Amino acid sequence: MSEHDTPASPARTDHEWQAELSPERYQVLRQAATEPPWSGEYVHHHADGSYRCAGCGAVLFDSATKFDSGSGWPSFYEPAAAGVVELRSDRSHGMVRTEVVCRACGGHLGHVFDDGPAPTGQRYCINSLALDFDQA
């Protein structure tokens, strides 16, 4: 298995997710909640390594693509590998946005916007509660 492969994981029921995740992580990953800005442990995090899905462990983002967006959430200009996240239309809260979801487990991660830096011009605005970190 390469560093970007997704761990095999059987589908979980809602009850199993509730038992496995903290209430805060459950709200973000399974109910698409958003943590308050500037509250997450990875907002000002600058160590080298990989950010994994807190639900299933899939590698989602690399620290080399993390940047300070000033938004209050960890921001990345691209995922760690093609296909590790899924983008979905989100029309909640009276606006149209693009939701970012872990392709392996369907966990809500955050949203992506077209106001990021080069080389992609994208800002993947991700909840810290949706992530775990593996230091290089």
C-alpha atoms as a PDB file:
ATOM      1  CA  MET A   1       0.000   0.000   0.000  1.00  0.00           C
ATOM      2  CA  SER A   2       1.434   3.420  -0.937  1.00  0.00           C
ATOM      3  CA  GLU A   3       1.296   6.463   1.357  1.00  0.00           C
ATOM      4  CA  HIS A   4      -1.722   7.787  -0.581  1.00  0.00           C
ATOM      5  CA  ASP A   5      -3.782   4.605  -0.569  1.00  0.00           C
ATOM      6  CA  THR A   6      -6.962   4.604   1.442  1.00  0.00           C
ATOM      7  CA  PRO A   7      -7.183   2.055   4.262  1.00  0.00           C
ATOM      8  CA  ALA A   8      -9.808  -0.618   3.676  1.00  0.00           C
ATOM      9  CA  SER A   9     -12.807   0.076   5.855  1.00  0.00           C
ATOM     10  CA  PRO A  10     -16.214  -1.574   5.935  1.00  0.00           C
ATOM     11  CA  ALA A  11     -19.232   0.721   5.801  1.00  0.00           C
ATOM     12  CA  ARG A  12     -20.313   1.918   9.235  1.00  0.00           C
ATOM     13  CA  THR A  13     -23.783   2.572  10.526  1.00  0.00           C
ATOM     14  CA  ASP A  14     -24.690   5.915  12.046  1.00  0.00           C
ATOM     15  CA  HIS A  15     -24.686   4.267  15.471  1.00  0.00           C
ATOM     16  CA  GLU A  16     -21.147   2.948  14.886  1.00  0.00           C
ATOM     17  CA  TRP A  17     -19.941   6.418  13.816  1.00  0.00           C
ATOM     18  CA  GLN A  18     -21.410   7.917  16.997  1.00  0.00           C
ATOM     19  CA  ALA A  19     -19.619   5.298  19.097  1.00  0.00           C
ATOM     20  CA  GLU A  20     -16.262   5.797  17.326  1.00  0.00           C
ATOM     21  CA  LEU A  21     -16.118   9.604  17.073  1.00  0.00           C
ATOM     22  CA  SER A  22     -16.198  12.329  19.706  1.00  0.00           C
ATOM     23  CA  PRO A  23     -19.470  14.306  19.645  1.00  0.00           C
ATOM     24  CA  GLU A  24     -17.658  17.260  18.018  1.00  0.00           C
ATOM     25  CA  ARG A  25     -16.061  15.123  15.308  1.00  0.00           C
ATOM     26  CA  TYR A  26     -19.348  13.320  14.689  1.00  0.00           C
ATOM     27  CA  GLN A  27     -21.107  16.653  14.131  1.00  0.00           C
ATOM     28  CA  VAL A  28     -18.496  17.767  11.593  1.00  0.00           C
ATOM     29  CA  LEU A  29     -17.784  14.506   9.771  1.00  0.00           C
ATOM     30  CA  ARG A  30     -21.256  12.958   9.727  1.00  0.00           C
ATOM     31  CA  GLN A  31     -23.628  15.963  10.054  1.00  0.00           C
ATOM     32  CA  ALA A  32     -21.650  18.546   8.011  1.00  0.00           C
ATOM     33  CA  ALA A  33     -21.233  20.977  10.901  1.00  0.00           C
ATOM     34  CA  THR A  34     -18.505  23.619  10.853  1.00  0.00           C
ATOM     35  CA  GLU A  35     -16.199  24.294  13.782  1.00  0.00           C
ATOM     36  CA  PRO A  36     -15.914  27.953  14.844  1.00  0.00           C
ATOM     37  CA  PRO A  37     -13.175  29.890  13.026  1.00  0.00           C
ATOM     38  CA  TRP A  38      -9.758  30.022  14.733  1.00  0.00           C
ATOM     39  CA  SER A  39     -10.779  27.205  17.125  1.00  0.00           C
ATOM     40  CA  GLY A  40      -9.149  24.236  15.404  1.00  0.00           C
ATOM     41  CA  GLU A  41      -5.834  22.730  16.433  1.00  0.00           C
ATOM     42  CA  TYR A  42      -4.458  22.816  12.869  1.00  0.00           C
ATOM     43  CA  VAL A  43      -5.153  26.473  11.999  1.00  0.00           C
ATOM     44  CA  HIS A  44      -1.645  27.589  13.023  1.00  0.00           C
ATOM     45  CA  HIS A  45      -0.022  24.167  12.637  1.00  0.00           C
ATOM     46  CA  HIS A  46       3.228  24.196  10.631  1.00  0.00           C
ATOM     47  CA  ALA A  47       4.852  20.764  11.102  1.00  0.00           C
ATOM     48  CA  ASP A  48       5.817  18.641   8.101  1.00  0.00           C
ATOM     49  CA  GLY A  49       3.667  15.600   7.492  1.00  0.00           C
ATOM     50  CA  SER A  50       0.328  14.295   6.277  1.00  0.00           C
ATOM     51  CA  TYR A  51      -3.218  15.202   7.254  1.00  0.00           C
ATOM     52  CA  ARG A  52      -5.517  12.184   7.431  1.00  0.00           C
ATOM     53  CA  CYS A  53      -9.284  11.813   7.637  1.00  0.00           C
ATOM     54  CA  ALA A  54     -10.254  11.616  11.318  1.00  0.00           C
ATOM     55  CA  GLY A  55     -13.003   9.178  10.341  1.00  0.00           C
ATOM     56  CA  CYS A  56     -11.176   6.541   8.343  1.00  0.00           C
ATOM     57  CA  GLY A  57      -7.477   7.444   8.253  1.00  0.00           C
ATOM     58  CA  ALA A  58      -7.213   8.142   4.511  1.00  0.00           C
ATOM     59  CA  VAL A  59      -4.365  10.531   3.635  1.00  0.00           C
ATOM     60  CA  LEU A  60      -6.066  13.699   2.391  1.00  0.00           C
ATOM     61  CA  PHE A  61      -3.595  16.601   2.402  1.00  0.00           C
ATOM     62  CA  ASP A  62       0.149  17.144   2.623  1.00  0.00           C
ATOM     63  CA  SER A  63       1.700  19.881   4.767  1.00  0.00           C
ATOM     64  CA  ALA A  64       3.581  21.167   1.698  1.00  0.00           C
ATOM     65  CA  THR A  65       0.249  22.382   0.259  1.00  0.00           C
ATOM     66  CA  LYS A  66      -0.967  24.065   3.473  1.00  0.00           C
ATOM     67  CA  PHE A  67      -1.052  27.867   3.558  1.00  0.00           C
ATOM     68  CA  ASP A  68      -2.302  30.642   5.833  1.00  0.00           C
ATOM     69  CA  SER A  69      -5.508  31.849   4.208  1.00  0.00           C
ATOM     70  CA  GLY A  70      -6.544  34.118   7.091  1.00  0.00           C
ATOM     71  CA  SER A  71      -9.942  32.382   7.052  1.00  0.00           C
ATOM     72  CA  GLY A  72      -9.719  30.740  10.487  1.00  0.00           C
ATOM     73  CA  TRP A  73      -9.559  27.168   9.157  1.00  0.00           C
ATOM     74  CA  PRO A  74      -6.661  25.051   7.885  1.00  0.00           C
ATOM     75  CA  SER A  75      -6.321  25.679   4.159  1.00  0.00           C
ATOM     76  CA  PHE A  76      -4.631  23.681   1.414  1.00  0.00           C
ATOM     77  CA  TYR A  77      -4.262  24.395  -2.293  1.00  0.00           C
ATOM     78  CA  GLU A  78      -4.722  20.760  -3.362  1.00  0.00           C
ATOM     79  CA  PRO A  79      -5.404  17.267  -2.001  1.00  0.00           C
ATOM     80  CA  ALA A  80      -2.549  14.814  -1.404  1.00  0.00           C
ATOM     81  CA  ALA A  81      -3.518  12.761  -4.469  1.00  0.00           C
ATOM     82  CA  ALA A  82      -6.136  12.757  -7.196  1.00  0.00           C
ATOM     83  CA  GLY A  83      -9.349  11.094  -6.120  1.00  0.00           C
ATOM     84  CA  VAL A  84      -8.908  11.157  -2.326  1.00  0.00           C
ATOM     85  CA  VAL A  85     -11.669  13.735  -1.925  1.00  0.00           C
ATOM     86  CA  GLU A  86     -15.035  14.108  -3.614  1.00  0.00           C
ATOM     87  CA  LEU A  87     -16.582  17.481  -4.454  1.00  0.00           C
ATOM     88  CA  ARG A  88     -20.337  17.957  -4.075  1.00  0.00           C
ATOM     89  CA  SER A  89     -22.686  20.861  -4.607  1.00  0.00           C
ATOM     90  CA  ASP A  90     -23.831  22.336  -1.276  1.00  0.00           C
ATOM     91  CA  ARG A  91     -26.889  24.608  -1.361  1.00  0.00           C
ATOM     92  CA  SER A  92     -27.361  24.819   2.412  1.00  0.00           C
ATOM     93  CA  HIS A  93     -27.551  28.053   4.391  1.00  0.00           C
ATOM     94  CA  GLY A  94     -28.951  30.034   1.445  1.00  0.00           C
ATOM     95  CA  MET A  95     -25.753  29.884  -0.647  1.00  0.00           C
ATOM     96  CA  VAL A  96     -24.088  27.707  -3.249  1.00  0.00           C
ATOM     97  CA  ARG A  97     -20.726  26.226  -2.279  1.00  0.00           C
ATOM     98  CA  THR A  98     -18.661  23.184  -3.129  1.00  0.00           C
ATOM     99  CA  GLU A  99     -18.440  20.692  -0.281  1.00  0.00           C
ATOM    100  CA  VAL A 100     -15.288  18.581   0.178  1.00  0.00           C
ATOM    101  CA  VAL A 101     -15.927  15.000   1.327  1.00  0.00           C
ATOM    102  CA  CYS A 102     -13.557  12.112   2.077  1.00  0.00           C
ATOM    103  CA  ARG A 103     -14.033   9.712  -0.832  1.00  0.00           C
ATOM    104  CA  ALA A 104     -13.247   6.683   1.358  1.00  0.00           C
ATOM    105  CA  CYS A 105     -15.809   7.208   4.138  1.00  0.00           C
ATOM    106  CA  GLY A 106     -18.041  10.070   2.980  1.00  0.00           C
ATOM    107  CA  GLY A 107     -17.055  12.289   5.899  1.00  0.00           C
ATOM    108  CA  HIS A 108     -17.646  16.037   5.523  1.00  0.00           C
ATOM    109  CA  LEU A 109     -14.316  17.866   5.549  1.00  0.00           C
ATOM    110  CA  GLY A 110     -15.171  21.444   4.597  1.00  0.00           C
ATOM    111  CA  HIS A 111     -15.490  23.438   1.362  1.00  0.00           C
ATOM    112  CA  VAL A 112     -13.310  24.463  -1.574  1.00  0.00           C
ATOM    113  CA  PHE A 113     -13.176  27.984  -3.016  1.00  0.00           C
ATOM    114  CA  ASP A 114     -11.514  29.522  -6.079  1.00  0.00           C
ATOM    115  CA  ASP A 115      -9.515  32.147  -4.155  1.00  0.00           C
ATOM    116  CA  GLY A 116      -6.394  30.182  -3.268  1.00  0.00           C
ATOM    117  CA  PRO A 117      -2.757  30.624  -4.271  1.00  0.00           C
ATOM    118  CA  ALA A 118      -0.851  29.289  -7.263  1.00  0.00           C
ATOM    119  CA  PRO A 119      -0.420  26.756  -8.615  1.00  0.00           C
ATOM    120  CA  THR A 120      -4.104  25.693  -8.380  1.00  0.00           C
ATOM    121  CA  GLY A 121      -5.914  28.869  -7.336  1.00  0.00           C
ATOM    122  CA  GLN A 122      -7.993  26.743  -4.963  1.00  0.00           C
ATOM    123  CA  ARG A 123      -8.491  26.997  -1.201  1.00  0.00           C
ATOM    124  CA  TYR A 124      -9.577  23.764   0.445  1.00  0.00           C
ATOM    125  CA  CYS A 125     -10.964  25.182   3.699  1.00  0.00           C
ATOM    126  CA  ILE A 126     -11.013  22.171   6.039  1.00  0.00           C
ATOM    127  CA  ASN A 127     -12.242  21.668   9.603  1.00  0.00           C
ATOM    128  CA  SER A 128      -9.468  20.660  12.026  1.00  0.00           C
ATOM    129  CA  LEU A 129     -11.949  18.283  13.663  1.00  0.00           C
ATOM    130  CA  ALA A 130     -12.102  16.337  10.382  1.00  0.00           C
ATOM    131  CA  LEU A 131      -8.332  15.762  10.411  1.00  0.00           C
ATOM    132  CA  ASP A 132      -5.603  13.849  12.193  1.00  0.00           C
ATOM    133  CA  PHE A 133      -1.916  14.571  11.585  1.00  0.00           C
ATOM    134  CA  ASP A 134       1.041  12.257  11.007  1.00  0.00           C
ATOM    135  CA  GLN A 135       4.361  14.049  11.442  1.00  0.00           C
ATOM    136  CA  ALA A 136       7.011  13.328   8.793  1.00  0.00           C
END
